[in-house]
Protein backbone atom coordinates (compact mmCIF):
# COMPACT_ATOMS: atom_id res chain seq x y z
CA MET A 1 -6.06 -20.76 47.74
CA THR A 2 -5.96 -17.07 48.60
CA ASP A 3 -2.62 -15.38 47.93
CA THR A 4 -2.13 -11.86 46.57
CA THR A 5 1.40 -12.51 45.31
CA SER A 6 0.97 -15.76 43.37
CA ILE A 7 -1.44 -17.95 41.42
CA PHE A 8 -2.20 -21.49 42.56
CA ILE A 9 -1.54 -23.95 39.73
CA GLY A 10 -1.98 -27.28 41.50
CA ALA A 11 -0.37 -29.75 43.87
CA GLY A 12 0.32 -33.36 44.46
CA PRO A 13 -2.19 -35.71 46.13
CA GLY A 14 -3.27 -34.38 49.51
CA GLY A 15 -2.01 -30.91 48.64
CA ALA A 16 1.65 -31.95 48.64
CA ASN A 17 4.21 -29.73 46.92
CA PRO A 18 1.81 -26.92 45.92
CA GLN A 19 2.87 -25.11 42.76
CA ARG A 20 2.38 -21.36 42.64
CA LEU A 21 3.13 -18.96 39.81
CA GLU A 22 4.78 -15.90 41.32
CA LEU A 23 3.19 -12.71 39.97
CA LYS A 24 6.51 -10.89 40.26
CA ARG A 25 8.05 -13.50 37.93
CA ALA A 26 5.05 -13.91 35.64
CA ASN A 27 6.54 -11.48 33.08
CA ARG A 28 9.36 -13.99 32.51
CA HIS A 29 7.03 -15.80 30.11
CA GLY A 30 6.00 -19.42 30.03
CA LEU A 31 5.23 -22.57 28.06
CA ILE A 32 2.16 -24.80 28.33
CA ALA A 33 2.60 -27.92 26.20
CA GLY A 34 1.04 -31.31 25.74
CA ALA A 35 -0.67 -33.59 23.29
CA THR A 36 -4.28 -33.09 22.27
CA GLY A 37 -6.75 -34.04 24.99
CA THR A 38 -4.32 -33.91 27.91
CA GLY A 39 -5.85 -30.86 29.59
CA LYS A 40 -3.91 -27.87 28.22
CA THR A 41 -7.01 -25.74 27.66
CA VAL A 42 -8.31 -26.26 31.22
CA THR A 43 -4.86 -25.43 32.58
CA VAL A 44 -4.77 -22.20 30.55
CA GLN A 45 -8.28 -21.34 31.74
CA GLY A 46 -7.29 -21.74 35.38
CA ILE A 47 -4.11 -19.65 34.98
CA ILE A 48 -6.06 -16.85 33.25
CA GLU A 49 -8.62 -16.88 36.07
CA GLY A 50 -5.79 -16.48 38.55
CA PHE A 51 -4.29 -13.53 36.67
CA SER A 52 -7.70 -11.82 36.38
CA ALA A 53 -8.41 -12.28 40.09
CA ALA A 54 -5.04 -10.64 40.83
CA GLY A 55 -5.99 -7.63 38.68
CA VAL A 56 -3.88 -8.59 35.66
CA PRO A 57 -5.58 -8.14 32.23
CA CYS A 58 -5.04 -10.95 29.72
CA PHE A 59 -5.33 -11.64 26.04
CA VAL A 60 -5.99 -15.14 24.72
CA ALA A 61 -6.68 -16.54 21.26
CA ASP A 62 -9.63 -18.92 21.53
CA VAL A 63 -8.89 -21.46 18.81
CA LYS A 64 -11.63 -23.96 19.65
CA GLY A 65 -14.18 -21.63 21.24
CA ASP A 66 -13.93 -23.29 24.66
CA LEU A 67 -12.21 -20.37 26.39
CA SER A 68 -15.26 -18.16 25.86
CA GLY A 69 -16.62 -20.05 28.89
CA LEU A 70 -14.42 -17.81 31.04
CA ALA A 71 -17.26 -15.29 30.91
CA MET A 72 -19.66 -17.57 32.76
CA ALA A 73 -19.42 -19.20 36.16
CA GLY A 74 -19.29 -22.99 36.27
CA SER A 75 -22.39 -24.84 37.40
CA PRO A 76 -22.98 -27.62 39.94
CA THR A 77 -25.26 -29.20 37.36
CA ALA A 78 -22.50 -29.49 34.75
CA LYS A 79 -21.40 -33.01 33.86
CA ASN A 80 -17.83 -32.37 35.05
CA HIS A 81 -18.85 -30.89 38.43
CA GLU A 82 -18.09 -33.99 40.47
CA ILE A 83 -14.66 -34.37 38.84
CA PHE A 84 -13.76 -30.76 39.52
CA ALA A 85 -15.00 -30.81 43.10
CA ALA A 86 -13.02 -33.97 43.79
CA ARG A 87 -9.90 -32.45 42.24
CA ALA A 88 -10.24 -29.31 44.36
CA ARG A 89 -10.39 -31.45 47.50
CA GLU A 90 -7.49 -33.59 46.34
CA VAL A 91 -5.15 -30.64 45.83
CA GLY A 92 -6.32 -28.92 49.02
CA ASP A 93 -7.97 -25.92 47.32
CA GLU A 94 -10.50 -25.10 50.02
CA ALA A 95 -11.34 -21.69 48.51
CA TRP A 96 -12.42 -23.18 45.20
CA ALA A 97 -15.87 -22.02 44.08
CA TYR A 98 -17.58 -21.30 40.80
CA ALA A 99 -17.16 -17.74 39.54
CA ASP A 100 -17.17 -15.83 36.29
CA THR A 101 -14.38 -13.71 34.83
CA PRO A 102 -14.81 -10.28 33.15
CA VAL A 103 -14.44 -10.81 29.40
CA GLN A 104 -14.33 -8.71 26.25
CA PHE A 105 -14.91 -10.57 22.99
CA TRP A 106 -12.96 -9.72 19.83
CA ASP A 107 -13.04 -11.06 16.29
CA LEU A 108 -11.05 -9.99 13.22
CA TYR A 109 -14.17 -10.61 11.13
CA GLY A 110 -16.49 -8.76 13.51
CA GLU A 111 -18.85 -11.73 13.81
CA GLN A 112 -18.23 -13.07 17.34
CA GLY A 113 -16.83 -9.94 18.92
CA HIS A 114 -15.69 -6.41 18.32
CA PRO A 115 -13.62 -6.01 15.15
CA ILE A 116 -9.86 -5.69 15.56
CA ARG A 117 -8.20 -3.55 12.92
CA THR A 118 -4.85 -2.05 12.25
CA THR A 119 -3.50 -0.02 9.37
CA ILE A 120 -1.13 -1.15 6.66
CA SER A 121 1.42 1.41 7.87
CA GLU A 122 1.31 0.06 11.43
CA MET A 123 1.73 -3.51 10.22
CA GLY A 124 4.89 -2.58 8.28
CA PRO A 125 6.62 -4.26 5.33
CA LEU A 126 8.32 -7.05 7.33
CA LEU A 127 5.15 -8.56 8.76
CA LEU A 128 3.22 -7.98 5.53
CA SER A 129 5.93 -9.79 3.59
CA ARG A 130 5.59 -12.72 6.00
CA LEU A 131 1.82 -12.58 5.65
CA MET A 132 2.01 -12.65 1.84
CA ASP A 133 4.92 -15.12 1.69
CA LEU A 134 7.15 -12.77 -0.32
CA ASN A 135 10.80 -13.46 -1.09
CA ASP A 136 13.64 -11.07 -0.26
CA VAL A 137 13.45 -9.21 -3.58
CA GLN A 138 9.70 -8.70 -3.34
CA GLU A 139 10.03 -7.63 0.29
CA GLY A 140 12.56 -5.02 -0.86
CA VAL A 141 10.09 -3.64 -3.41
CA LEU A 142 7.36 -3.53 -0.76
CA THR A 143 9.71 -1.65 1.57
CA ILE A 144 10.37 0.92 -1.17
CA ALA A 145 6.61 1.37 -1.63
CA PHE A 146 6.27 2.09 2.11
CA HIS A 147 9.16 4.55 2.00
CA VAL A 148 7.76 6.41 -1.01
CA ALA A 149 4.31 6.59 0.61
CA ASP A 150 5.84 8.04 3.77
CA LYS A 151 7.92 10.53 1.76
CA ASP A 152 4.90 11.66 -0.27
CA GLY A 153 2.67 11.92 2.81
CA LEU A 154 0.31 9.15 1.69
CA LEU A 155 -1.55 7.22 4.39
CA LEU A 156 -1.60 3.45 3.90
CA LEU A 157 -4.66 2.39 5.86
CA ASP A 158 -6.15 -0.60 4.06
CA LEU A 159 -5.44 -3.05 1.26
CA ASP A 160 -6.92 -0.67 -1.33
CA ASP A 161 -4.35 1.94 -0.33
CA LEU A 162 -1.49 -0.53 -0.65
CA GLN A 163 -2.74 -1.76 -4.02
CA ALA A 164 -3.00 1.81 -5.34
CA MET A 165 0.49 2.58 -4.01
CA LEU A 166 1.94 -0.44 -5.80
CA VAL A 167 0.28 0.65 -9.07
CA SER A 168 1.83 4.09 -8.64
CA CYS A 169 5.26 2.56 -7.99
CA GLY A 170 4.88 0.43 -11.12
CA GLU A 171 4.17 3.53 -13.18
CA ARG A 172 7.23 5.23 -11.65
CA ALA A 173 9.44 2.14 -11.84
CA ASP A 174 12.22 3.77 -13.88
CA GLU A 175 12.42 6.76 -11.56
CA LEU A 176 12.34 4.68 -8.36
CA THR A 177 14.90 2.19 -9.69
CA THR A 178 17.36 5.03 -10.21
CA THR A 179 16.79 6.35 -6.67
CA TYR A 180 16.20 3.27 -4.50
CA GLY A 181 17.25 0.22 -6.48
CA ASN A 182 15.55 -2.19 -8.81
CA VAL A 183 11.75 -1.90 -8.83
CA SER A 184 10.57 -4.40 -11.41
CA LYS A 185 7.03 -4.59 -12.64
CA GLN A 186 7.26 -8.37 -12.30
CA SER A 187 7.83 -8.07 -8.53
CA ILE A 188 4.99 -5.59 -8.21
CA GLY A 189 2.73 -7.98 -10.12
CA THR A 190 3.64 -10.81 -7.74
CA ILE A 191 2.85 -8.65 -4.71
CA GLN A 192 -0.48 -7.66 -6.23
CA ARG A 193 -1.39 -11.32 -6.70
CA SER A 194 -0.44 -12.02 -3.08
CA LEU A 195 -2.75 -9.18 -2.04
CA LEU A 196 -5.59 -10.88 -3.89
CA GLN A 197 -4.88 -14.11 -2.01
CA LEU A 198 -4.84 -12.18 1.27
CA ARG A 199 -8.23 -10.71 0.41
CA SER A 200 -9.59 -14.18 -0.31
CA GLN A 201 -8.53 -15.21 3.21
CA GLY A 202 -10.48 -12.30 4.71
CA GLY A 203 -7.39 -10.18 5.34
CA GLU A 204 -9.19 -7.03 4.23
CA HIS A 205 -11.25 -7.17 7.46
CA PHE A 206 -8.08 -6.71 9.48
CA PHE A 207 -6.89 -3.49 7.81
CA GLY A 208 -8.63 -0.16 8.24
CA GLU A 209 -9.88 2.24 10.86
CA PRO A 210 -10.64 2.72 13.65
CA ALA A 211 -7.41 0.96 14.57
CA LEU A 212 -7.14 -0.88 17.86
CA ASP A 213 -6.25 1.27 20.87
CA MET A 214 -3.99 -0.84 23.07
CA ASP A 215 -5.36 0.84 26.18
CA ASP A 216 -8.63 -0.98 25.52
CA PHE A 217 -6.75 -4.24 26.13
CA ILE A 218 -5.43 -3.13 29.49
CA GLY A 219 -8.19 -2.57 32.01
CA VAL A 220 -9.92 -3.82 35.13
CA ASP A 221 -13.60 -4.05 36.06
CA ASP A 222 -15.32 -2.33 38.95
CA LYS A 223 -14.16 -5.15 41.28
CA GLY A 224 -10.51 -4.69 40.35
CA ARG A 225 -10.39 -7.89 38.29
CA GLY A 226 -8.30 -7.86 35.15
CA ILE A 227 -10.40 -7.94 31.98
CA VAL A 228 -9.75 -10.95 29.76
CA ASN A 229 -9.71 -10.20 26.02
CA VAL A 230 -10.85 -13.32 24.15
CA LEU A 231 -10.16 -13.41 20.41
CA ALA A 232 -12.48 -15.70 18.45
CA ALA A 233 -9.91 -17.59 16.37
CA ASP A 234 -11.84 -20.64 15.16
CA LYS A 235 -12.49 -19.07 11.74
CA LEU A 236 -9.16 -17.29 11.74
CA MET A 237 -7.34 -20.63 12.02
CA ALA A 238 -8.38 -21.35 8.44
CA SER A 239 -5.79 -18.70 7.51
CA PRO A 240 -2.86 -19.74 9.74
CA LYS A 241 -0.43 -17.11 8.42
CA LEU A 242 -2.92 -14.35 9.06
CA TYR A 243 -3.48 -15.72 12.57
CA ALA A 244 0.23 -15.92 13.40
CA THR A 245 1.07 -12.56 11.81
CA PHE A 246 -1.77 -10.85 13.65
CA LEU A 247 -0.63 -12.14 17.04
CA LEU A 248 2.98 -11.20 16.33
CA TRP A 249 1.83 -7.72 15.33
CA LEU A 250 -0.16 -7.49 18.55
CA MET A 251 2.89 -8.42 20.63
CA SER A 252 4.98 -5.86 18.76
CA GLU A 253 2.37 -3.15 19.29
CA LEU A 254 2.22 -3.91 23.01
CA PHE A 255 6.00 -3.67 23.17
CA GLU A 256 5.98 -0.26 21.48
CA HIS A 257 2.93 1.03 23.36
CA LEU A 258 3.82 0.16 26.94
CA PRO A 259 6.64 1.99 28.74
CA GLU A 260 9.61 0.10 30.14
CA ILE A 261 9.05 -0.60 33.84
CA GLY A 262 11.47 -3.44 34.62
CA ASP A 263 10.06 -6.18 36.85
CA PRO A 264 6.76 -4.97 38.36
CA ASP A 265 5.01 -6.65 41.28
CA LYS A 266 2.58 -8.09 38.74
CA PRO A 267 2.40 -7.93 34.96
CA LYS A 268 0.62 -5.14 33.11
CA LEU A 269 -0.76 -7.77 30.72
CA CYS A 270 -0.36 -11.48 30.07
CA PHE A 271 -0.55 -12.71 26.49
CA PHE A 272 -1.50 -16.33 25.67
CA PHE A 273 -0.55 -17.55 22.19
CA ASP A 274 -2.34 -20.80 21.33
CA GLU A 275 -1.11 -23.00 18.47
CA ALA A 276 2.23 -21.24 18.86
CA HIS A 277 3.96 -23.43 16.28
CA LEU A 278 2.19 -21.44 13.57
CA LEU A 279 4.28 -18.43 14.50
CA PHE A 280 7.52 -20.23 13.68
CA ASP A 281 6.60 -22.50 10.77
CA ASN A 282 8.71 -21.55 7.73
CA ALA A 283 9.47 -18.18 9.26
CA PRO A 284 12.41 -16.38 7.58
CA LYS A 285 15.46 -15.47 9.63
CA ALA A 286 14.52 -11.78 9.86
CA LEU A 287 11.13 -12.65 11.33
CA LEU A 288 12.59 -15.13 13.83
CA GLU A 289 15.01 -12.46 14.96
CA LYS A 290 12.12 -10.05 15.47
CA ILE A 291 10.14 -12.61 17.48
CA GLU A 292 13.16 -13.33 19.65
CA GLN A 293 13.74 -9.61 20.19
CA VAL A 294 10.13 -8.96 21.19
CA VAL A 295 10.02 -11.91 23.59
CA ARG A 296 13.33 -10.92 25.15
CA LEU A 297 12.54 -7.24 25.62
CA ILE A 298 8.80 -7.08 26.22
CA ARG A 299 9.13 -8.44 29.75
CA SER A 300 10.66 -5.07 30.72
CA ASN A 301 7.38 -3.50 29.61
CA GLY A 302 5.53 -5.66 32.11
CA VAL A 303 4.12 -8.16 29.59
CA GLY A 304 4.26 -11.91 30.07
CA ILE A 305 3.93 -14.14 26.99
CA TYR A 306 2.73 -17.72 27.34
CA PHE A 307 3.09 -20.06 24.37
CA ILE A 308 0.63 -22.94 24.09
CA THR A 309 1.57 -25.79 21.79
CA GLN A 310 1.31 -29.55 21.44
CA ASN A 311 5.01 -30.20 21.12
CA PRO A 312 7.69 -28.24 22.99
CA ILE A 313 10.19 -28.64 20.17
CA ASP A 314 7.91 -26.41 18.04
CA ILE A 315 9.47 -23.47 19.87
CA PRO A 316 12.97 -22.47 18.64
CA ASP A 317 15.71 -22.76 21.23
CA THR A 318 16.39 -18.99 21.14
CA VAL A 319 12.82 -18.37 22.28
CA ALA A 320 12.33 -21.46 24.46
CA GLY A 321 15.36 -20.45 26.54
CA GLN A 322 13.46 -17.34 27.69
CA LEU A 323 10.38 -19.21 28.93
CA GLY A 324 10.89 -19.48 32.67
CA ASN A 325 7.52 -20.94 33.76
CA ARG A 326 6.69 -24.37 32.33
CA VAL A 327 3.71 -26.70 32.48
CA GLN A 328 4.20 -29.89 30.52
CA HIS A 329 1.24 -32.21 29.97
CA ALA A 330 1.57 -35.70 28.57
CA LEU A 331 3.33 -36.41 25.28
CA ARG A 332 2.88 -39.46 23.12
CA ALA A 333 6.08 -41.24 22.05
CA PHE A 334 4.73 -43.12 19.05
CA THR A 335 6.97 -41.65 16.34
CA PRO A 336 10.68 -40.79 16.25
CA ARG A 337 9.75 -37.12 16.35
CA ASP A 338 7.57 -37.68 19.42
CA GLN A 339 10.41 -39.55 21.11
CA ALA A 340 12.78 -36.70 20.32
CA ALA A 341 10.26 -34.27 21.80
CA VAL A 342 10.07 -36.30 25.01
CA LYS A 343 13.84 -36.25 25.41
CA ALA A 344 14.02 -32.54 24.56
CA ALA A 345 11.29 -31.69 27.08
CA ALA A 346 12.98 -33.73 29.79
CA THR A 347 16.18 -31.73 29.47
CA THR A 348 14.43 -28.36 29.91
CA PHE A 349 13.37 -28.93 33.51
CA ARG A 350 15.39 -28.46 36.64
CA ALA A 351 16.13 -31.98 37.82
CA ASN A 352 14.27 -33.52 40.75
CA PRO A 353 15.70 -36.78 42.12
CA GLY A 354 12.20 -37.99 42.86
CA VAL A 355 10.89 -37.54 39.30
CA ASN A 356 12.03 -39.38 36.20
CA VAL A 357 10.91 -36.73 33.73
CA GLU A 358 11.40 -38.71 30.54
CA THR A 359 9.29 -41.57 31.86
CA ALA A 360 6.69 -39.41 33.58
CA ILE A 361 5.92 -37.37 30.46
CA THR A 362 4.45 -40.40 28.75
CA GLU A 363 2.56 -41.56 31.86
CA LEU A 364 0.77 -38.34 32.85
CA LYS A 365 -3.02 -38.54 33.11
CA VAL A 366 -5.51 -35.98 31.84
CA GLY A 367 -5.33 -32.94 34.09
CA GLU A 368 -1.86 -33.87 35.36
CA ALA A 369 1.37 -32.14 34.35
CA LEU A 370 5.04 -31.68 35.09
CA VAL A 371 5.44 -28.20 36.51
CA SER A 372 8.48 -26.01 37.04
CA LEU A 373 7.93 -22.36 37.95
CA LEU A 374 10.25 -19.50 38.78
CA LEU A 375 10.80 -19.02 42.48
CA PRO A 376 10.71 -15.58 44.13
CA ASP A 377 14.49 -15.32 43.69
CA GLY A 378 14.13 -15.98 39.94
CA SER A 379 15.52 -19.52 39.89
CA PRO A 380 13.41 -22.39 38.45
CA SER A 381 11.85 -24.76 40.92
CA PRO A 382 12.64 -28.47 40.68
CA VAL A 383 10.14 -30.22 38.42
CA GLU A 384 7.13 -31.70 40.20
CA ARG A 385 4.43 -34.04 39.04
CA THR A 386 1.30 -31.97 39.68
CA LEU A 387 -2.47 -32.34 39.62
CA ILE A 388 -3.84 -29.19 37.99
CA ALA A 389 -6.41 -27.26 40.03
CA PRO A 390 -9.92 -27.07 38.48
CA PRO A 391 -11.16 -23.82 36.95
CA CYS A 392 -13.97 -21.77 38.50
CA SER A 393 -15.59 -20.68 35.24
CA ARG A 394 -17.51 -22.75 32.73
CA VAL A 395 -15.57 -25.35 30.79
CA GLY A 396 -17.05 -25.05 27.34
CA PRO A 397 -18.25 -22.26 25.05
CA VAL A 398 -20.89 -19.65 25.80
CA THR A 399 -24.08 -19.67 23.76
CA PRO A 400 -24.56 -17.15 20.92
CA VAL A 401 -27.17 -15.33 23.00
CA GLU A 402 -24.83 -15.06 25.99
CA ARG A 403 -22.05 -13.83 23.74
CA GLY A 404 -24.31 -11.22 22.14
CA VAL A 405 -25.41 -9.84 25.52
CA MET A 406 -21.82 -9.51 26.73
CA ILE A 407 -20.67 -7.83 23.53
CA SER A 408 -23.45 -5.25 23.73
CA THR A 409 -22.88 -4.48 27.43
CA ASP A 410 -19.07 -4.40 27.74
CA PRO A 411 -17.14 -1.13 28.21
CA ILE A 412 -15.99 -0.99 24.57
CA GLY A 413 -19.51 -0.37 23.28
CA SER A 414 -19.71 0.46 19.56
CA LYS A 415 -16.29 2.13 19.34
CA TYR A 416 -14.95 -0.30 16.73
CA ASP A 417 -18.15 -1.55 15.15
CA THR A 418 -18.37 1.00 12.29
CA LEU A 419 -15.64 1.11 9.67
CA ILE A 420 -14.24 4.58 8.93
CA ASP A 421 -12.98 5.28 5.42
CA ARG A 422 -11.13 8.59 5.45
CA GLN A 423 -9.03 10.07 2.68
CA SER A 424 -5.84 8.09 2.24
CA ALA A 425 -3.45 6.93 -0.46
CA GLU A 426 -6.09 5.38 -2.73
CA GLU A 427 -8.22 8.53 -2.87
CA ILE A 428 -5.25 10.88 -3.21
CA LEU A 429 -3.62 8.84 -5.98
CA ALA A 430 -6.97 8.51 -7.77
CA GLY A 431 -7.38 12.29 -7.57
CA LYS A 432 -3.91 12.83 -8.97
CA ALA A 433 -4.62 10.38 -11.76
CA GLN A 434 -7.80 12.25 -12.64
CA GLU A 435 -5.94 15.57 -12.62
CA ALA A 436 -3.21 14.11 -14.82
CA SER A 437 -5.83 12.69 -17.18
CA ALA A 438 -7.63 16.04 -17.40
CA ALA A 439 -4.33 17.85 -17.99
CA ALA A 440 -3.41 15.34 -20.68
CA ALA A 441 -6.82 15.79 -22.33
CA GLU A 442 -6.42 19.56 -22.18
CA ALA A 443 -2.93 19.33 -23.62
CA ALA A 444 -4.18 17.01 -26.32
CA ALA A 445 -7.02 19.42 -27.14
CA LYS A 446 -4.59 22.32 -27.23
CA THR A 447 -2.26 20.33 -29.44
CA GLU A 448 -5.12 19.55 -31.81
CA ALA A 449 -6.10 23.22 -31.87
CA ASP A 450 -2.50 24.21 -32.56
CA LYS A 451 -2.34 21.62 -35.30
CA ALA A 452 -5.58 22.94 -36.81
CA ALA A 453 -4.33 26.54 -36.62
CA ALA A 454 -1.02 25.55 -38.19
CA ALA A 455 -2.83 23.66 -40.94
CA GLN A 456 -5.08 26.67 -41.61
CA ALA A 457 -2.09 29.01 -41.67
CA LYS A 458 -0.36 26.69 -44.11
CA ALA A 459 -3.48 26.55 -46.28
CA ASP A 460 -3.77 30.34 -46.15
CA ALA A 461 -0.12 30.68 -47.16
CA VAL A 462 -0.59 28.26 -50.04
CA ALA A 463 -3.72 30.16 -51.14
CA ALA A 464 -1.89 33.52 -50.93
CA LYS A 465 1.03 32.12 -52.88
CA GLU A 466 -1.34 30.75 -55.50
CA ALA A 467 -3.16 34.10 -55.70
CA GLU A 468 0.15 35.96 -56.18
CA ARG A 469 1.23 33.47 -58.78
CA GLN A 470 -2.07 33.99 -60.59
CA ARG A 471 -1.72 37.78 -60.35
CA VAL A 472 1.77 37.66 -61.81
CA ALA A 473 0.59 35.35 -64.56
CA ASN A 474 -2.31 37.64 -65.33
CA GLN A 475 0.02 40.67 -65.39
CA ARG A 476 2.40 38.91 -67.69
CA GLU A 477 -0.47 37.95 -69.98
CA ALA A 478 -1.73 41.56 -69.97
CA ASP A 479 1.75 42.86 -70.80
CA ARG A 480 2.06 40.28 -73.52
CA GLN A 481 -1.29 41.25 -74.95
CA ALA A 482 -0.34 44.96 -74.83
CA LYS A 483 2.92 44.33 -76.61
CA LEU A 484 1.13 42.17 -79.11
CA ALA A 485 -1.37 44.97 -79.67
CA GLU A 486 1.44 47.49 -80.12
CA ARG A 487 3.20 45.26 -82.60
CA GLN A 488 -0.05 44.68 -84.41
CA ALA A 489 -0.76 48.41 -84.50
CA ALA A 490 2.74 49.13 -85.75
CA ALA A 491 2.37 46.46 -88.34
CA GLU A 492 -0.94 47.82 -89.42
CA ALA A 493 0.51 51.32 -89.56
CA LYS A 494 3.44 50.12 -91.60
CA ALA A 495 1.17 48.21 -93.86
CA ALA A 496 -1.01 51.25 -94.29
CA ALA A 497 2.01 53.42 -95.02
CA ASN A 498 3.13 51.08 -97.71
CA SER A 499 -0.20 51.04 -99.46
CA PRO A 500 -0.33 52.60 -103.08
CA TRP A 501 -2.65 55.33 -101.99
CA ASN A 502 -0.42 56.46 -99.12
CA ARG A 503 2.61 56.39 -101.37
CA ALA A 504 0.76 58.60 -103.97
CA ILE A 505 -0.22 61.07 -101.29
CA THR A 506 3.32 61.13 -99.91
CA SER A 507 4.80 61.71 -103.35
CA ALA A 508 2.33 64.45 -104.09
CA THR A 509 3.09 66.05 -100.79
CA ARG A 510 6.78 65.92 -101.43
CA SER A 511 6.29 67.46 -104.89
CA ALA A 512 4.17 70.19 -103.51
CA SER A 513 6.64 70.83 -100.81
CA SER A 514 9.41 71.10 -103.34
CA ALA A 515 7.49 73.54 -105.44
CA VAL A 516 6.51 75.68 -102.51
CA GLY A 517 10.04 75.55 -101.22
CA ARG A 518 11.43 76.74 -104.50
CA GLN A 519 8.91 79.57 -104.66
CA VAL A 520 9.58 80.67 -101.10
CA ALA A 521 13.29 80.50 -101.65
CA ASN A 522 13.02 82.68 -104.76
CA GLU A 523 10.97 85.20 -102.93
CA VAL A 524 13.37 85.34 -100.04
CA SER A 525 16.28 85.66 -102.37
CA LYS A 526 14.65 88.55 -104.12
CA ALA A 527 13.96 90.23 -100.87
CA VAL A 528 17.53 89.86 -99.77
CA PHE A 529 19.46 90.35 -102.84
CA GLY A 530 17.09 92.10 -105.09
CA SER A 531 16.10 91.05 -108.56
CA SER A 532 19.65 90.49 -109.63
CA ARG A 533 20.51 86.93 -110.05
CA GLY A 534 24.13 86.85 -109.43
CA ALA A 535 26.12 83.99 -108.18
CA GLY A 536 25.37 84.82 -104.58
CA ALA A 537 21.71 84.92 -105.24
CA GLY A 538 21.84 81.54 -106.82
CA ILE A 539 23.66 80.02 -103.92
CA ILE A 540 21.36 81.53 -101.36
CA GLY A 541 18.32 80.60 -103.31
CA GLY A 542 19.41 76.95 -103.47
CA LEU A 543 20.13 76.92 -99.83
CA MET A 544 16.73 78.32 -98.91
CA ARG A 545 14.95 75.96 -101.20
CA GLY A 546 16.68 73.07 -99.51
CA VAL A 547 15.70 74.26 -96.06
CA LEU A 548 12.17 75.10 -96.89
CA GLY A 549 11.82 71.93 -98.84
CA GLY A 550 12.96 69.93 -95.82
CA LEU A 551 10.46 71.70 -93.61
CA PHE A 552 7.59 71.00 -95.86
CA LYS A 553 8.75 67.48 -96.40
CA GLY A 554 8.67 66.93 -92.65
CA ARG A 555 5.04 67.91 -92.70
């Protein structure tokens, strides 16, 4: 049915009580729930087609691969053609016809679509802690690592950067503990092991550059139809935490990227979160608060979020209370939990006297649902039992060839296909480590040289001291030998003087000296006193002989 202000969801038999999703209220979020095999996927497909036709881009996680069929028009030769044609007539949808929807394919692993990447810094410590299942203490250490990286100007782009940053924090643990609080090497080791587990789940494909530009999610084709971004999630579902964390990150990025615009005439983007229970399973309080905040505030940015799950009680009350548009397919009441879910679902609808919700939920057929949508004035419509309108695109996956052609011809091109590895924390820290190692080697070499020089100087000093000691010893020995020679010479001289021959010569000399002295004295006396030999002459003569005798004796 043609209407530029709403999307036709379905109606009762004969077109009674048509249910239309008001575009102006589509940013008030929604819930599509029901047991497996009750028609949820076809309902989602039809709603996405309606948004695209109205010029509203969408994002949807394709868990089973069926939603890739949005890219291809349905076919009259398909096995479900007669069922769909009959349903279109039954609900009075005269404008129903097969048509394709503009699609862009994405894949975290880059296998079934363009790669989607973000950086470690953009993900942030809270979501990473959730992704790696860290406790509060370990989350605190991870937060410190982010803070230090930001302070030091280190880009955290991929898992290698984060791993290198954690190693650096471990080496600086004492310093960081003093400044920021306890940074234990045990916590860092636990985070490193969690990183290894994340790598084993393929998480390394998600982190890096080029990072996703949100503007590439928000576009229309040349006919004005909103482009539908289909994420291949069949492989991703093997890592449920990675899947849930990625979609929460994507919602958060949309919230931060898009400006606040209040309630527009139609949403800027509608976001479909399949297997929504994975987002809330074992989520810590801080993460639940963040989810609630994003869901509550993102509507003002023109984004509508639609949770798809099997059981409505999978959605916490704080979030479920913000989901204004509801489509409830059949639930099975086989277990106490199922029965509780039926009762809980029944209480979330605006009452309709003509519908016993609790009974109807268990009686709904495939392709039939209880529907309550927001009216133009913002109030919920009374719940109606509704036959869901058939989709116009193919129900079922596209072939690999069809997918390949669409990937190669869409507007994105090869923008994200080649990984870019620019200089970031890992390279910078490795460079610093090399510089530190070189400086340490240089210091060690200098220390060894200093040690060698000191040892040589010590050896030289010892040698000089030994040489001086030897010189002094030699001098002392020379002096001793000289003195010994002198004593020996003196002894020899004394011995010679005491020999009989020397004594005879000495005696003869003395006798001769005495005789000469007496003769000289007599001659002098004669010269002085004449030939007289008085008393004075005798005295003088004796005196002279004594003097002259002493002189000759000295010779």
